[in-house]
Amino acid sequence: MFITFEGCEKSGKSTQARLLSRYLKACGFKTLFIREPGSTVLGEKIRRILLDKRNDRMSLATEMLLYMAARAQLIEEVIRPALARGAVVLCDRFQDSTLAYQGYGCGLEIAVLEKVGRWATAGLTPDLTLLLDSWQSRDKLRNTSLPDRIESRPDAFHNRVKKGYRALARKYPARIKTIRVQPSILQTQAKIREIVESCLLKKSSDKKRPSRS
């Protein structure tokens, strides 16, 4: 099963994904937590290029293609082999990030991003996407001592990204489940576990259901 976590900066994605990974392992599932861009040697190099504030003259097309390149490498090197082994793969960001940030945030054409994304991912789509939604994230970000190149963009950009995520959730309601970030990390995690357990149960039930000839 392939589960992705999405949301704006400082929404708590990584923390929640790691907590879920530990919980699923305790329940007996084989799990793998990865981040994007990253989690491969090539992907981590691309990540450093993308987030380095010194690369402020990077074109939007270059930015988008670098994200796609890191994603393609991650899928071939890590995600598909892990799924083939029967692992539950938890990924911090995936294709929806490109649509939200480079599409809604930067203004690149969504149809183009979707077409390039289908090619880069070879059609791989998450079984479930958990969107962490919080209007508090920008306040948290202002307390970050060293924001990266993306975090440093103006509030207007991040507001467009947030609205983009909400548009994606409306477009793909069966896959994208919006989770309102709670005051407590554990409260948010409880909501995540409820959704994931339901999805795992449904997937298990679908596998056991006899096929119709």
N, C-alpha and C. Protein backbone atom coordinates (compact mmCIF):
# COMPACT_ATOMS: atom_id res chain seq x y z
N MET A 1 0.84 -1.19 0.00
CA MET A 1 0.00 0.00 0.00
C MET A 1 0.88 1.25 0.00
N PHE A 2 0.49 2.22 -0.79
CA PHE A 2 1.28 3.44 -0.95
C PHE A 2 0.49 4.62 -0.39
N ILE A 3 1.02 5.22 0.69
CA ILE A 3 0.37 6.34 1.37
C ILE A 3 1.27 7.56 1.29
N THR A 4 0.72 8.69 0.86
CA THR A 4 1.51 9.92 0.81
C THR A 4 0.96 10.95 1.80
N PHE A 5 1.86 11.79 2.28
CA PHE A 5 1.51 12.88 3.18
C PHE A 5 1.75 14.19 2.46
N GLU A 6 0.77 15.08 2.49
CA GLU A 6 0.89 16.37 1.82
C GLU A 6 0.50 17.50 2.78
N GLY A 7 0.90 18.71 2.42
CA GLY A 7 0.58 19.88 3.22
C GLY A 7 1.65 20.94 3.06
N CYS A 8 1.36 22.12 3.57
CA CYS A 8 2.32 23.23 3.50
C CYS A 8 3.43 23.04 4.52
N GLU A 9 4.44 23.91 4.44
CA GLU A 9 5.56 23.85 5.38
C GLU A 9 5.06 23.95 6.82
N LYS A 10 5.72 23.17 7.69
CA LYS A 10 5.46 23.19 9.13
C LYS A 10 4.04 22.73 9.49
N SER A 11 3.44 21.93 8.62
CA SER A 11 2.11 21.40 8.93
C SER A 11 2.20 20.12 9.75
N GLY A 12 3.41 19.59 9.92
CA GLY A 12 3.59 18.41 10.75
C GLY A 12 3.60 17.10 9.98
N LYS A 13 3.75 17.15 8.66
CA LYS A 13 3.72 15.95 7.83
C LYS A 13 4.73 14.89 8.27
N SER A 14 5.99 15.31 8.38
CA SER A 14 7.05 14.36 8.67
C SER A 14 6.86 13.71 10.03
N THR A 15 6.50 14.51 11.02
CA THR A 15 6.26 13.97 12.36
C THR A 15 5.14 12.95 12.34
N GLN A 16 4.03 13.29 11.69
CA GLN A 16 2.89 12.39 11.64
C GLN A 16 3.20 11.12 10.85
N ALA A 17 3.96 11.24 9.78
CA ALA A 17 4.32 10.06 8.98
C ALA A 17 5.19 9.11 9.79
N ARG A 18 6.14 9.66 10.54
CA ARG A 18 7.01 8.81 11.36
C ARG A 18 6.22 8.13 12.48
N LEU A 19 5.30 8.86 13.10
CA LEU A 19 4.47 8.27 14.14
C LEU A 19 3.62 7.14 13.57
N LEU A 20 3.06 7.35 12.39
CA LEU A 20 2.26 6.31 11.77
C LEU A 20 3.11 5.10 11.41
N SER A 21 4.32 5.35 10.93
CA SER A 21 5.23 4.25 10.59
C SER A 21 5.51 3.38 11.81
N ARG A 22 5.80 4.01 12.94
CA ARG A 22 6.06 3.24 14.16
C ARG A 22 4.83 2.46 14.60
N TYR A 23 3.66 3.09 14.47
CA TYR A 23 2.41 2.44 14.87
C TYR A 23 2.13 1.21 13.99
N LEU A 24 2.30 1.36 12.68
CA LEU A 24 2.03 0.24 11.78
C LEU A 24 3.02 -0.90 11.99
N LYS A 25 4.28 -0.56 12.28
CA LYS A 25 5.26 -1.60 12.58
C LYS A 25 4.86 -2.36 13.83
N ALA A 26 4.38 -1.64 14.84
CA ALA A 26 3.93 -2.28 16.08
C ALA A 26 2.73 -3.19 15.83
N CYS A 27 1.96 -2.87 14.79
CA CYS A 27 0.79 -3.69 14.43
C CYS A 27 1.17 -4.87 13.54
N GLY A 28 2.45 -4.97 13.20
CA GLY A 28 2.91 -6.11 12.41
C GLY A 28 3.08 -5.86 10.93
N PHE A 29 2.91 -4.63 10.48
CA PHE A 29 3.08 -4.31 9.06
C PHE A 29 4.55 -4.00 8.75
N LYS A 30 4.98 -4.42 7.57
CA LYS A 30 6.27 -3.97 7.06
C LYS A 30 6.07 -2.55 6.52
N THR A 31 6.84 -1.61 7.02
CA THR A 31 6.65 -0.23 6.60
C THR A 31 7.96 0.40 6.16
N LEU A 32 7.85 1.41 5.32
CA LEU A 32 9.01 2.17 4.87
C LEU A 32 8.62 3.64 4.81
N PHE A 33 9.38 4.47 5.53
CA PHE A 33 9.15 5.92 5.49
C PHE A 33 10.21 6.56 4.62
N ILE A 34 9.78 7.37 3.65
CA ILE A 34 10.70 8.06 2.75
C ILE A 34 10.24 9.50 2.58
N ARG A 35 11.13 10.33 2.06
CA ARG A 35 10.76 11.72 1.80
C ARG A 35 11.08 12.07 0.36
N GLU A 36 10.39 13.11 -0.11
CA GLU A 36 10.58 13.53 -1.48
C GLU A 36 10.68 15.05 -1.57
N PRO A 37 11.67 15.60 -2.27
CA PRO A 37 12.75 14.85 -2.92
C PRO A 37 13.73 14.30 -1.89
N GLY A 38 14.33 13.17 -2.23
CA GLY A 38 15.29 12.56 -1.32
C GLY A 38 15.15 11.06 -1.26
N SER A 39 15.73 10.48 -0.20
CA SER A 39 15.67 9.04 0.08
C SER A 39 16.39 8.17 -0.95
N THR A 40 17.12 8.79 -1.85
CA THR A 40 18.09 8.10 -2.71
C THR A 40 19.31 9.02 -2.77
N VAL A 41 20.45 8.47 -3.17
CA VAL A 41 21.66 9.30 -3.26
C VAL A 41 21.43 10.46 -4.23
N LEU A 42 20.88 10.14 -5.40
CA LEU A 42 20.62 11.18 -6.40
C LEU A 42 19.56 12.16 -5.90
N GLY A 43 18.52 11.63 -5.28
CA GLY A 43 17.43 12.48 -4.80
C GLY A 43 17.88 13.47 -3.74
N GLU A 44 18.78 13.05 -2.86
CA GLU A 44 19.27 13.96 -1.82
C GLU A 44 20.12 15.07 -2.43
N LYS A 45 20.87 14.74 -3.48
CA LYS A 45 21.66 15.78 -4.16
C LYS A 45 20.73 16.80 -4.83
N ILE A 46 19.68 16.30 -5.46
CA ILE A 46 18.70 17.20 -6.09
C ILE A 46 18.02 18.05 -5.03
N ARG A 47 17.70 17.45 -3.89
CA ARG A 47 17.05 18.19 -2.80
C ARG A 47 17.90 19.39 -2.36
N ARG A 48 19.20 19.16 -2.22
CA ARG A 48 20.08 20.25 -1.79
C ARG A 48 20.09 21.38 -2.82
N ILE A 49 20.08 21.02 -4.09
CA ILE A 49 20.05 22.04 -5.14
C ILE A 49 18.74 22.84 -5.08
N LEU A 50 17.63 22.14 -4.94
CA LEU A 50 16.32 22.79 -4.94
C LEU A 50 16.11 23.73 -3.76
N LEU A 51 16.63 23.35 -2.60
CA LEU A 51 16.36 24.13 -1.39
C LEU A 51 17.42 25.18 -1.08
N ASP A 52 18.52 25.17 -1.81
CA ASP A 52 19.62 26.11 -1.57
C ASP A 52 19.20 27.52 -2.00
N LYS A 53 19.19 28.45 -1.06
CA LYS A 53 18.77 29.83 -1.35
C LYS A 53 19.69 30.53 -2.33
N ARG A 54 20.90 30.01 -2.51
CA ARG A 54 21.82 30.63 -3.47
C ARG A 54 21.36 30.39 -4.91
N ASN A 55 20.47 29.41 -5.10
CA ASN A 55 19.96 29.13 -6.45
C ASN A 55 18.69 29.92 -6.73
N ASP A 56 18.72 31.20 -6.41
CA ASP A 56 17.52 32.02 -6.53
C ASP A 56 17.18 32.37 -7.98
N ARG A 57 18.07 32.09 -8.91
CA ARG A 57 17.79 32.38 -10.32
C ARG A 57 17.29 31.15 -11.08
N MET A 58 17.03 30.07 -10.36
CA MET A 58 16.53 28.85 -10.99
C MET A 58 15.18 29.13 -11.67
N SER A 59 15.04 28.70 -12.90
CA SER A 59 13.77 28.91 -13.60
C SER A 59 12.70 27.97 -13.05
N LEU A 60 11.45 28.32 -13.24
CA LEU A 60 10.35 27.49 -12.76
C LEU A 60 10.33 26.14 -13.48
N ALA A 61 10.67 26.13 -14.76
CA ALA A 61 10.71 24.87 -15.51
C ALA A 61 11.81 23.96 -14.96
N THR A 62 12.97 24.55 -14.67
CA THR A 62 14.07 23.77 -14.10
C THR A 62 13.66 23.19 -12.75
N GLU A 63 13.05 24.02 -11.92
CA GLU A 63 12.60 23.57 -10.60
C GLU A 63 11.66 22.38 -10.72
N MET A 64 10.68 22.50 -11.59
CA MET A 64 9.69 21.44 -11.76
C MET A 64 10.34 20.15 -12.25
N LEU A 65 11.23 20.26 -13.23
CA LEU A 65 11.86 19.07 -13.80
C LEU A 65 12.80 18.39 -12.81
N LEU A 66 13.44 19.16 -11.94
CA LEU A 66 14.28 18.56 -10.91
C LEU A 66 13.44 17.75 -9.93
N TYR A 67 12.30 18.29 -9.54
CA TYR A 67 11.39 17.53 -8.66
C TYR A 67 10.95 16.24 -9.35
N MET A 68 10.61 16.33 -10.62
CA MET A 68 10.18 15.14 -11.36
C MET A 68 11.30 14.11 -11.46
N ALA A 69 12.54 14.58 -11.67
CA ALA A 69 13.67 13.67 -11.78
C ALA A 69 13.90 12.92 -10.47
N ALA A 70 13.85 13.64 -9.36
CA ALA A 70 14.02 13.00 -8.06
C ALA A 70 12.91 11.98 -7.81
N ARG A 71 11.70 12.32 -8.24
CA ARG A 71 10.54 11.42 -8.06
C ARG A 71 10.70 10.15 -8.88
N ALA A 72 11.12 10.30 -10.13
CA ALA A 72 11.29 9.13 -11.00
C ALA A 72 12.34 8.18 -10.42
N GLN A 73 13.44 8.74 -9.90
CA GLN A 73 14.49 7.91 -9.31
C GLN A 73 13.99 7.20 -8.05
N LEU A 74 13.24 7.92 -7.24
CA LEU A 74 12.72 7.34 -5.99
C LEU A 74 11.76 6.19 -6.28
N ILE A 75 10.93 6.34 -7.29
CA ILE A 75 9.97 5.29 -7.64
C ILE A 75 10.70 4.03 -8.10
N GLU A 76 11.65 4.21 -9.02
CA GLU A 76 12.34 3.04 -9.58
C GLU A 76 13.25 2.37 -8.55
N GLU A 77 13.95 3.18 -7.77
CA GLU A 77 14.96 2.62 -6.86
C GLU A 77 14.38 2.14 -5.53
N VAL A 78 13.32 2.79 -5.05
CA VAL A 78 12.83 2.50 -3.69
C VAL A 78 11.36 2.08 -3.63
N ILE A 79 10.47 2.88 -4.21
CA ILE A 79 9.04 2.66 -3.97
C ILE A 79 8.54 1.37 -4.59
N ARG A 80 8.77 1.17 -5.88
CA ARG A 80 8.24 -0.05 -6.52
C ARG A 80 8.82 -1.32 -5.90
N PRO A 81 10.13 -1.40 -5.62
CA PRO A 81 10.64 -2.61 -4.96
C PRO A 81 10.01 -2.85 -3.59
N ALA A 82 9.78 -1.77 -2.83
CA ALA A 82 9.17 -1.92 -1.50
C ALA A 82 7.73 -2.40 -1.61
N LEU A 83 6.98 -1.85 -2.55
CA LEU A 83 5.60 -2.29 -2.75
C LEU A 83 5.55 -3.75 -3.20
N ALA A 84 6.52 -4.15 -4.02
CA ALA A 84 6.58 -5.54 -4.48
C ALA A 84 6.85 -6.50 -3.32
N ARG A 85 7.54 -6.01 -2.28
CA ARG A 85 7.81 -6.83 -1.09
C ARG A 85 6.62 -6.86 -0.14
N GLY A 86 5.59 -6.10 -0.44
CA GLY A 86 4.42 -6.07 0.42
C GLY A 86 4.48 -5.04 1.53
N ALA A 87 5.38 -4.07 1.42
CA ALA A 87 5.51 -3.05 2.47
C ALA A 87 4.45 -1.96 2.30
N VAL A 88 4.12 -1.33 3.43
CA VAL A 88 3.32 -0.11 3.41
C VAL A 88 4.31 1.04 3.27
N VAL A 89 4.28 1.74 2.16
CA VAL A 89 5.23 2.83 1.90
C VAL A 89 4.57 4.16 2.28
N LEU A 90 5.24 4.89 3.18
CA LEU A 90 4.77 6.20 3.62
C LEU A 90 5.72 7.25 3.05
N CYS A 91 5.21 8.11 2.20
CA CYS A 91 6.06 9.08 1.50
C CYS A 91 5.68 10.51 1.88
N ASP A 92 6.65 11.26 2.38
CA ASP A 92 6.47 12.67 2.72
C ASP A 92 6.61 13.48 1.43
N ARG A 93 5.48 13.80 0.81
CA ARG A 93 5.31 14.52 -0.46
C ARG A 93 5.40 13.56 -1.65
N PHE A 94 4.64 13.95 -2.69
CA PHE A 94 4.66 13.21 -3.96
C PHE A 94 4.12 14.15 -5.04
N GLN A 95 3.49 13.61 -6.05
CA GLN A 95 3.07 14.40 -7.21
C GLN A 95 2.14 15.56 -6.85
N ASP A 96 1.30 15.39 -5.83
CA ASP A 96 0.40 16.48 -5.44
C ASP A 96 1.17 17.73 -5.02
N SER A 97 2.37 17.55 -4.47
CA SER A 97 3.19 18.71 -4.10
C SER A 97 3.55 19.54 -5.32
N THR A 98 3.88 18.86 -6.41
CA THR A 98 4.22 19.57 -7.64
C THR A 98 3.02 20.35 -8.16
N LEU A 99 1.85 19.73 -8.12
CA LEU A 99 0.65 20.42 -8.58
C LEU A 99 0.34 21.63 -7.71
N ALA A 100 0.50 21.47 -6.39
CA ALA A 100 0.19 22.57 -5.46
C ALA A 100 1.22 23.68 -5.53
N TYR A 101 2.51 23.33 -5.51
CA TYR A 101 3.57 24.34 -5.43
C TYR A 101 3.91 24.93 -6.80
N GLN A 102 4.28 24.07 -7.74
CA GLN A 102 4.68 24.59 -9.05
C GLN A 102 3.47 24.98 -9.91
N GLY A 103 2.33 24.31 -9.67
CA GLY A 103 1.12 24.63 -10.41
C GLY A 103 0.37 25.81 -9.82
N TYR A 104 -0.34 25.56 -8.72
CA TYR A 104 -1.13 26.63 -8.10
C TYR A 104 -0.26 27.74 -7.53
N GLY A 105 0.89 27.38 -6.94
CA GLY A 105 1.74 28.39 -6.32
C GLY A 105 2.50 29.24 -7.31
N CYS A 106 3.14 28.59 -8.30
CA CYS A 106 4.00 29.31 -9.25
C CYS A 106 3.30 29.66 -10.55
N GLY A 107 2.18 29.02 -10.82
CA GLY A 107 1.44 29.36 -12.03
C GLY A 107 1.74 28.53 -13.25
N LEU A 108 2.50 27.43 -13.11
CA LEU A 108 2.71 26.55 -14.26
C LEU A 108 1.41 25.84 -14.59
N GLU A 109 1.24 25.50 -15.85
CA GLU A 109 -0.02 24.91 -16.31
C GLU A 109 -0.24 23.53 -15.70
N ILE A 110 -1.37 23.36 -15.04
CA ILE A 110 -1.68 22.11 -14.35
C ILE A 110 -1.69 20.93 -15.31
N ALA A 111 -2.28 21.11 -16.49
CA ALA A 111 -2.36 20.01 -17.46
C ALA A 111 -0.98 19.53 -17.87
N VAL A 112 -0.03 20.46 -18.01
CA VAL A 112 1.35 20.09 -18.36
C VAL A 112 1.99 19.31 -17.22
N LEU A 113 1.80 19.79 -15.99
CA LEU A 113 2.37 19.11 -14.83
C LEU A 113 1.81 17.70 -14.69
N GLU A 114 0.52 17.55 -14.95
CA GLU A 114 -0.10 16.22 -14.86
C GLU A 114 0.47 15.29 -15.92
N LYS A 115 0.67 15.81 -17.13
CA LYS A 115 1.20 14.98 -18.22
C LYS A 115 2.64 14.55 -17.94
N VAL A 116 3.48 15.50 -17.53
CA VAL A 116 4.87 15.16 -17.20
C VAL A 116 4.90 14.23 -15.99
N GLY A 117 4.01 14.47 -15.04
CA GLY A 117 3.95 13.63 -13.85
C GLY A 117 3.59 12.19 -14.16
N ARG A 118 2.65 11.99 -15.07
CA ARG A 118 2.29 10.62 -15.45
C ARG A 118 3.47 9.89 -16.08
N TRP A 119 4.27 10.65 -16.85
CA TRP A 119 5.45 10.05 -17.47
C TRP A 119 6.52 9.74 -16.43
N ALA A 120 6.79 10.69 -15.54
CA ALA A 120 7.84 10.52 -14.53
C ALA A 120 7.52 9.41 -13.54
N THR A 121 6.24 9.25 -13.22
CA THR A 121 5.84 8.25 -12.23
C THR A 121 5.46 6.92 -12.86
N ALA A 122 5.44 6.87 -14.19
CA ALA A 122 4.99 5.68 -14.92
C ALA A 122 3.59 5.27 -14.45
N GLY A 123 2.79 6.27 -14.11
CA GLY A 123 1.40 6.02 -13.74
C GLY A 123 1.17 5.61 -12.30
N LEU A 124 2.21 5.61 -11.47
CA LEU A 124 2.04 5.22 -10.07
C LEU A 124 1.25 6.29 -9.32
N THR A 125 0.17 5.88 -8.69
CA THR A 125 -0.69 6.79 -7.92
C THR A 125 -0.84 6.27 -6.50
N PRO A 126 -0.79 7.13 -5.50
CA PRO A 126 -0.97 6.67 -4.12
C PRO A 126 -2.34 6.03 -3.91
N ASP A 127 -2.38 5.04 -3.03
CA ASP A 127 -3.67 4.46 -2.63
C ASP A 127 -4.42 5.44 -1.73
N LEU A 128 -3.67 6.21 -0.97
CA LEU A 128 -4.26 7.16 -0.02
C LEU A 128 -3.32 8.34 0.14
N THR A 129 -3.89 9.54 0.14
CA THR A 129 -3.12 10.75 0.41
C THR A 129 -3.72 11.46 1.61
N LEU A 130 -2.89 11.74 2.60
CA LEU A 130 -3.32 12.43 3.82
C LEU A 130 -2.86 13.88 3.74
N LEU A 131 -3.82 14.79 3.62
CA LEU A 131 -3.52 16.21 3.49
C LEU A 131 -3.69 16.89 4.84
N LEU A 132 -2.59 17.35 5.42
CA LEU A 132 -2.63 18.04 6.71
C LEU A 132 -2.88 19.52 6.45
N ASP A 133 -4.01 20.00 6.94
CA ASP A 133 -4.45 21.36 6.65
C ASP A 133 -4.46 22.19 7.92
N SER A 134 -3.69 23.27 7.92
CA SER A 134 -3.64 24.15 9.08
C SER A 134 -3.31 25.57 8.65
N TRP A 135 -4.12 26.54 9.07
CA TRP A 135 -3.83 27.94 8.79
C TRP A 135 -2.72 28.47 9.69
N GLN A 136 -2.27 27.65 10.64
CA GLN A 136 -1.24 28.10 11.57
C GLN A 136 0.17 27.92 11.03
N SER A 137 0.32 27.21 9.91
CA SER A 137 1.65 26.82 9.47
C SER A 137 2.58 28.00 9.17
N ARG A 138 2.05 29.10 8.62
CA ARG A 138 2.92 30.24 8.31
C ARG A 138 3.42 30.92 9.58
N ASP A 139 2.63 30.92 10.65
CA ASP A 139 3.10 31.48 11.92
C ASP A 139 4.27 30.68 12.45
N LYS A 140 4.18 29.37 12.34
CA LYS A 140 5.28 28.51 12.78
C LYS A 140 6.52 28.77 11.94
N LEU A 141 6.31 28.95 10.65
CA LEU A 141 7.42 29.13 9.73
C LEU A 141 8.21 30.38 10.06
N ARG A 142 7.55 31.42 10.54
CA ARG A 142 8.25 32.67 10.85
C ARG A 142 9.23 32.49 12.00
N ASN A 143 9.04 31.46 12.79
CA ASN A 143 9.96 31.19 13.89
C ASN A 143 11.12 30.30 13.48
N THR A 144 11.14 29.88 12.20
CA THR A 144 12.24 29.06 11.71
C THR A 144 13.46 29.94 11.46
N SER A 145 14.60 29.54 12.02
CA SER A 145 15.79 30.39 11.94
C SER A 145 16.37 30.46 10.54
N LEU A 146 16.36 29.33 9.81
CA LEU A 146 16.99 29.31 8.50
C LEU A 146 16.03 28.71 7.47
N PRO A 147 15.05 29.46 7.00
CA PRO A 147 14.12 28.94 6.00
C PRO A 147 14.85 28.66 4.69
N ASP A 148 14.42 27.60 3.98
CA ASP A 148 15.07 27.26 2.72
C ASP A 148 14.49 28.10 1.57
N ARG A 149 14.90 27.77 0.35
CA ARG A 149 14.52 28.58 -0.81
C ARG A 149 13.01 28.61 -1.03
N ILE A 150 12.34 27.49 -0.78
CA ILE A 150 10.89 27.43 -0.97
C ILE A 150 10.17 28.10 0.21
N GLU A 151 10.62 27.82 1.41
CA GLU A 151 10.00 28.42 2.61
C GLU A 151 10.10 29.94 2.59
N SER A 152 11.14 30.46 1.94
CA SER A 152 11.39 31.90 1.94
C SER A 152 10.45 32.68 1.01
N ARG A 153 9.66 31.99 0.23
CA ARG A 153 8.76 32.68 -0.69
C ARG A 153 7.66 33.40 0.09
N PRO A 154 7.09 34.46 -0.50
CA PRO A 154 6.13 35.30 0.23
C PRO A 154 4.84 34.58 0.62
N ASP A 155 4.13 35.19 1.57
CA ASP A 155 2.88 34.61 2.06
C ASP A 155 1.88 34.37 0.94
N ALA A 156 1.84 35.27 -0.04
CA ALA A 156 0.89 35.12 -1.15
C ALA A 156 1.10 33.80 -1.88
N PHE A 157 2.36 33.42 -2.06
CA PHE A 157 2.68 32.15 -2.71
C PHE A 157 2.14 30.99 -1.88
N HIS A 158 2.43 31.00 -0.59
CA HIS A 158 2.02 29.89 0.27
C HIS A 158 0.50 29.82 0.41
N ASN A 159 -0.16 30.95 0.35
CA ASN A 159 -1.63 30.95 0.37
C ASN A 159 -2.20 30.31 -0.89
N ARG A 160 -1.55 30.56 -2.03
CA ARG A 160 -1.99 29.92 -3.28
C ARG A 160 -1.77 28.41 -3.21
N VAL A 161 -0.66 28.02 -2.61
CA VAL A 161 -0.38 26.59 -2.45
C VAL A 161 -1.46 25.92 -1.60
N LYS A 162 -1.79 26.56 -0.49
CA LYS A 162 -2.81 26.02 0.40
C LYS A 162 -4.16 25.88 -0.32
N LYS A 163 -4.53 26.91 -1.06
CA LYS A 163 -5.78 26.85 -1.83
C LYS A 163 -5.70 25.76 -2.90
N GLY A 164 -4.50 25.59 -3.47
CA GLY A 164 -4.32 24.54 -4.47
C GLY A 164 -4.53 23.16 -3.89
N TYR A 165 -3.99 22.94 -2.70
CA TYR A 165 -4.20 21.65 -2.05
C TYR A 165 -5.68 21.38 -1.82
N ARG A 166 -6.39 22.40 -1.40
CA ARG A 166 -7.82 22.22 -1.14
C ARG A 166 -8.58 21.93 -2.44
N ALA A 167 -8.14 22.55 -3.53
CA ALA A 167 -8.75 22.27 -4.83
C ALA A 167 -8.50 20.82 -5.24
N LEU A 168 -7.29 20.33 -4.99
CA LEU A 168 -6.96 18.94 -5.31
C LEU A 168 -7.80 17.97 -4.48
N ALA A 169 -8.00 18.32 -3.21
CA ALA A 169 -8.81 17.46 -2.33
C ALA A 169 -10.25 17.37 -2.83
N ARG A 170 -10.75 18.49 -3.36
CA ARG A 170 -12.11 18.47 -3.92
C ARG A 170 -12.16 17.67 -5.22
N LYS A 171 -11.08 17.71 -5.97
CA LYS A 171 -11.03 17.01 -7.27
C LYS A 171 -10.88 15.50 -7.10
N TYR A 172 -10.13 15.09 -6.06
CA TYR A 172 -9.87 13.66 -5.84
C TYR A 172 -10.31 13.24 -4.43
N PRO A 173 -11.59 13.34 -4.12
CA PRO A 173 -12.05 13.06 -2.75
C PRO A 173 -11.88 11.62 -2.31
N ALA A 174 -11.88 10.67 -3.24
CA ALA A 174 -11.73 9.27 -2.87
C ALA A 174 -10.31 8.96 -2.39
N ARG A 175 -9.34 9.68 -2.93
CA ARG A 175 -7.93 9.43 -2.58
C ARG A 175 -7.41 10.38 -1.52
N ILE A 176 -7.71 11.66 -1.65
CA ILE A 176 -7.15 12.67 -0.74
C ILE A 176 -8.10 12.91 0.43
N LYS A 177 -7.62 12.63 1.63
CA LYS A 177 -8.40 12.84 2.84
C LYS A 177 -7.78 14.00 3.62
N THR A 178 -8.56 15.03 3.83
CA THR A 178 -8.08 16.22 4.53
C THR A 178 -8.19 16.04 6.03
N ILE A 179 -7.10 16.31 6.72
CA ILE A 179 -7.06 16.20 8.18
C ILE A 179 -6.74 17.57 8.75
N ARG A 180 -7.68 18.12 9.48
CA ARG A 180 -7.46 19.41 10.12
C ARG A 180 -6.47 19.20 11.27
N VAL A 181 -5.36 19.90 11.23
CA VAL A 181 -4.33 19.75 12.26
C VAL A 181 -4.89 20.19 13.61
N GLN A 182 -4.75 19.32 14.60
CA GLN A 182 -5.27 19.57 15.94
C GLN A 182 -4.19 20.23 16.82
N PRO A 183 -4.60 20.82 17.95
CA PRO A 183 -3.60 21.43 18.85
C PRO A 183 -2.57 20.42 19.35
N SER A 184 -3.00 19.17 19.50
CA SER A 184 -2.12 18.11 19.99
C SER A 184 -1.67 17.22 18.85
N ILE A 185 -0.37 16.88 18.83
CA ILE A 185 0.16 15.97 17.81
C ILE A 185 -0.55 14.63 17.87
N LEU A 186 -0.82 14.14 19.08
CA LEU A 186 -1.46 12.84 19.23
C LEU A 186 -2.92 12.86 18.78
N GLN A 187 -3.58 14.01 18.94
CA GLN A 187 -4.96 14.12 18.45
C GLN A 187 -4.99 14.02 16.93
N THR A 188 -4.05 14.67 16.29
CA THR A 188 -3.95 14.59 14.83
C THR A 188 -3.62 13.16 14.41
N GLN A 189 -2.70 12.53 15.12
CA GLN A 189 -2.31 11.16 14.80
C GLN A 189 -3.49 10.20 14.94
N ALA A 190 -4.33 10.41 15.93
CA ALA A 190 -5.50 9.54 16.12
C ALA A 190 -6.42 9.60 14.91
N LYS A 191 -6.61 10.80 14.36
CA LYS A 191 -7.46 10.95 13.17
C LYS A 191 -6.82 10.26 11.96
N ILE A 192 -5.50 10.37 11.86
CA ILE A 192 -4.78 9.72 10.76
C ILE A 192 -4.93 8.21 10.85
N ARG A 193 -4.73 7.66 12.05
CA ARG A 193 -4.83 6.21 12.22
C ARG A 193 -6.21 5.69 11.88
N GLU A 194 -7.22 6.45 12.23
CA GLU A 194 -8.59 6.03 11.94
C GLU A 194 -8.81 5.89 10.44
N ILE A 195 -8.31 6.86 9.68
CA ILE A 195 -8.46 6.83 8.22
C ILE A 195 -7.64 5.69 7.62
N VAL A 196 -6.39 5.54 8.07
CA VAL A 196 -5.50 4.53 7.52
C VAL A 196 -6.01 3.12 7.83
N GLU A 197 -6.46 2.90 9.05
CA GLU A 197 -6.99 1.58 9.42
C GLU A 197 -8.19 1.21 8.55
N SER A 198 -9.05 2.17 8.29
CA SER A 198 -10.21 1.93 7.43
C SER A 198 -9.78 1.57 6.01
N CYS A 199 -8.76 2.28 5.52
CA CYS A 199 -8.26 2.03 4.17
C CYS A 199 -7.59 0.67 4.07
N LEU A 200 -6.80 0.30 5.08
CA LEU A 200 -6.13 -1.00 5.10
C LEU A 200 -7.15 -2.13 5.16
N LEU A 201 -8.19 -1.93 5.95
CA LEU A 201 -9.24 -2.94 6.07
C LEU A 201 -9.96 -3.14 4.74
N LYS A 202 -10.25 -2.03 4.06
CA LYS A 202 -10.92 -2.11 2.77
C LYS A 202 -10.04 -2.80 1.74
N LYS A 203 -8.74 -2.46 1.74
CA LYS A 203 -7.82 -3.07 0.78
C LYS A 203 -7.70 -4.57 1.02
N SER A 204 -7.65 -4.96 2.29
CA SER A 204 -7.57 -6.38 2.64
C SER A 204 -8.84 -7.11 2.21
N SER A 205 -9.98 -6.47 2.41
CA SER A 205 -11.26 -7.06 2.03
C SER A 205 -11.36 -7.22 0.52
N ASP A 206 -10.87 -6.23 -0.22
CA ASP A 206 -10.91 -6.29 -1.68
C ASP A 206 -10.06 -7.44 -2.21
N LYS A 207 -8.93 -7.71 -1.55
CA LYS A 207 -8.04 -8.80 -1.99
C LYS A 207 -8.70 -10.16 -1.78
N LYS A 208 -9.46 -10.28 -0.68
CA LYS A 208 -10.09 -11.56 -0.35
C LYS A 208 -11.35 -11.82 -1.16
N ARG A 209 -11.93 -10.77 -1.72
CA ARG A 209 -13.18 -10.90 -2.45
C ARG A 209 -12.95 -11.68 -3.75
N PRO A 210 -13.74 -12.74 -4.00
CA PRO A 210 -13.54 -13.53 -5.22
C PRO A 210 -13.87 -12.71 -6.46
N SER A 211 -13.09 -12.92 -7.50
CA SER A 211 -13.32 -12.19 -8.75
C SER A 211 -14.51 -12.78 -9.49
N ARG A 212 -15.18 -11.94 -10.24
CA ARG A 212 -16.34 -12.38 -11.01
C ARG A 212 -15.90 -12.76 -12.42
N SER A 213 -16.30 -13.91 -12.85
CA SER A 213 -15.93 -14.35 -14.20
C SER A 213 -17.02 -13.99 -15.19
